[in-house]
Amino acid sequence: MKGSSMNTHLGNIKIDNEVIAQYAGSVAVECFGIVGMATVNVRDGLVKLLKKDSLTNGISVVQTGHKLTLNFHVIVAYGVSIIAVSDNLISNVKYKVEEFTGLEIEKINIFVEGVRVID
C-alpha cells in the first residue's frame, strides 16, 4: 500500500493514495465547469472521458513527507473560463482533501485535456 501514515494516541492511521485520488476526483467533478476526468492514450494521443467509477485514472497523488501533490487531467465545459474553473477546483479540492485526510496539499496541477459541449 502506497500512501500516508499518521501516528495518533489511538494507533496508526494509513491512507492509501487511491483513496485520496477517489475522494479528490469526486470533489473535482462536483465543481462548476468540470465535465469529468480524462485519461490520455499515449500511443494514439486520444483523450477519453472517464466514468464515475474510474475517476482515479485521471488523478495522480504524489506524497512527500506529510505534503501532497495532486495532478488532475480534466475535461472542461465549452464556454466557461478555464481560469475560473481551475481556481474553483483548486480551492474546493484543497479545502476538502485537507479536511478529509489531515495532510497538507502543497501543489495542485491541472491539465486541461479537452473541451466538451454540455447538452
Protein backbone atom coordinates (compact mmCIF):
# COMPACT_ATOMS: atom_id res chain seq x y z
CA MET A 1 0.00 0.00 0.00
CA LYS A 2 1.44 3.32 -1.06
CA GLY A 3 0.06 6.21 0.92
CA SER A 4 0.34 8.29 4.03
CA SER A 5 0.75 7.15 7.60
CA MET A 6 0.00 9.08 10.79
CA ASN A 7 0.58 8.13 14.39
CA THR A 8 -2.07 9.10 16.94
CA HIS A 9 -2.60 8.30 20.59
CA LEU A 10 -5.01 5.58 19.48
CA GLY A 11 -2.66 3.95 16.94
CA ASN A 12 -1.54 4.27 13.33
CA ILE A 13 -3.69 5.60 10.51
CA LYS A 14 -2.77 4.68 6.93
CA ILE A 15 -4.47 6.32 3.95
CA ASP A 16 -3.87 4.75 0.54
CA ASN A 17 -3.16 7.16 -2.34
CA GLU A 18 -6.02 5.52 -4.26
CA VAL A 19 -8.45 6.62 -1.53
CA ILE A 20 -7.15 10.19 -1.72
CA ALA A 21 -7.44 10.14 -5.52
CA GLN A 22 -11.01 8.79 -5.38
CA TYR A 23 -12.11 11.45 -2.91
CA ALA A 24 -10.35 14.26 -4.81
CA GLY A 25 -11.97 13.07 -8.04
CA SER A 26 -15.45 13.08 -6.55
CA VAL A 27 -14.86 16.63 -5.25
CA ALA A 28 -13.50 17.74 -8.64
CA VAL A 29 -16.45 16.54 -10.71
CA GLU A 30 -18.80 18.50 -8.42
CA CYS A 31 -17.04 21.74 -9.38
CA PHE A 32 -18.73 24.06 -11.88
CA GLY A 33 -17.33 23.74 -15.39
CA ILE A 34 -15.73 20.32 -14.95
CA VAL A 35 -17.28 17.79 -17.31
CA GLY A 36 -15.18 14.95 -15.95
CA MET A 37 -11.76 13.42 -15.53
CA ALA A 38 -9.73 12.36 -18.56
CA THR A 39 -7.20 9.75 -19.47
CA VAL A 40 -4.82 10.08 -22.38
CA ASN A 41 -3.83 7.14 -24.55
CA VAL A 42 -0.13 7.84 -25.03
CA ARG A 43 0.21 5.60 -28.06
CA ASP A 44 -2.69 7.14 -30.01
CA GLY A 45 -2.82 10.56 -28.34
CA LEU A 46 -6.55 10.15 -27.76
CA VAL A 47 -8.31 11.68 -24.77
CA LYS A 48 -11.10 9.67 -23.14
CA LEU A 49 -13.72 10.93 -20.69
CA LEU A 50 -13.76 8.65 -17.65
CA LYS A 51 -16.89 7.32 -15.99
CA LYS A 52 -17.59 7.95 -12.30
CA ASP A 53 -16.27 4.54 -11.25
CA SER A 54 -12.83 5.13 -12.80
CA LEU A 55 -12.09 8.71 -11.76
CA THR A 56 -8.78 7.78 -10.20
CA ASN A 57 -7.24 7.13 -13.64
CA GLY A 58 -7.34 10.88 -14.29
CA ILE A 59 -5.67 11.80 -10.98
CA SER A 60 -2.23 11.08 -9.62
CA VAL A 61 -1.25 11.57 -6.00
CA VAL A 62 2.38 12.16 -5.04
CA GLN A 63 3.31 12.29 -1.39
CA THR A 64 6.43 13.95 0.02
CA GLY A 65 6.52 13.62 3.79
CA HIS A 66 3.16 14.87 5.04
CA LYS A 67 2.51 17.00 1.94
CA LEU A 68 0.57 16.01 -1.15
CA THR A 69 0.81 16.98 -4.79
CA LEU A 70 -2.28 16.24 -6.88
CA ASN A 71 -2.30 16.12 -10.68
CA PHE A 72 -5.71 16.38 -12.37
CA HIS A 73 -6.39 15.60 -16.03
CA VAL A 74 -9.77 17.18 -16.73
CA ILE A 75 -12.23 17.96 -19.48
CA VAL A 76 -13.92 21.34 -19.09
CA ALA A 77 -17.26 22.60 -20.36
CA TYR A 78 -17.28 24.68 -23.53
CA GLY A 79 -17.74 28.41 -22.98
CA VAL A 80 -16.52 28.67 -19.39
CA SER A 81 -13.41 30.46 -18.21
CA ILE A 82 -10.67 27.89 -17.70
CA ILE A 83 -9.02 30.17 -15.13
CA ALA A 84 -12.24 30.46 -13.11
CA VAL A 85 -12.88 26.72 -13.28
CA SER A 86 -9.28 25.97 -12.26
CA ASP A 87 -9.38 28.40 -9.33
CA ASN A 88 -12.67 26.88 -8.15
CA LEU A 89 -11.32 23.33 -8.47
CA ILE A 90 -8.10 24.19 -6.59
CA SER A 91 -9.86 25.90 -3.69
CA ASN A 92 -12.55 23.20 -3.30
CA VAL A 93 -10.17 20.26 -3.58
CA LYS A 94 -7.55 21.84 -1.32
CA TYR A 95 -10.04 22.58 1.45
CA LYS A 96 -11.96 19.29 1.31
CA VAL A 97 -8.99 16.94 0.88
CA GLU A 98 -7.03 18.63 3.67
CA GLU A 99 -10.05 18.30 5.97
CA PHE A 100 -10.60 14.68 4.90
CA THR A 101 -7.00 13.48 5.26
CA GLY A 102 -5.38 15.87 7.73
CA LEU A 103 -2.50 16.24 5.26
CA GLU A 104 -1.34 19.50 3.67
CA ILE A 105 -1.68 19.93 -0.08
CA GLU A 106 1.49 21.50 -1.38
CA LYS A 107 0.54 21.74 -5.05
CA ILE A 108 -2.37 21.03 -7.38
CA ASN A 109 -1.57 20.76 -11.09
CA ILE A 110 -4.42 20.88 -13.60
CA PHE A 111 -4.01 19.59 -17.12
CA VAL A 112 -6.94 20.50 -19.38
CA GLU A 113 -7.13 17.62 -21.84
CA GLY A 114 -10.22 18.68 -23.71
CA VAL A 115 -13.37 20.78 -24.02
CA ARG A 116 -16.89 19.38 -24.34
CA VAL A 117 -20.22 20.97 -25.13
CA ILE A 118 -22.76 20.14 -22.43
CA ASP A 119 -26.31 19.47 -23.61
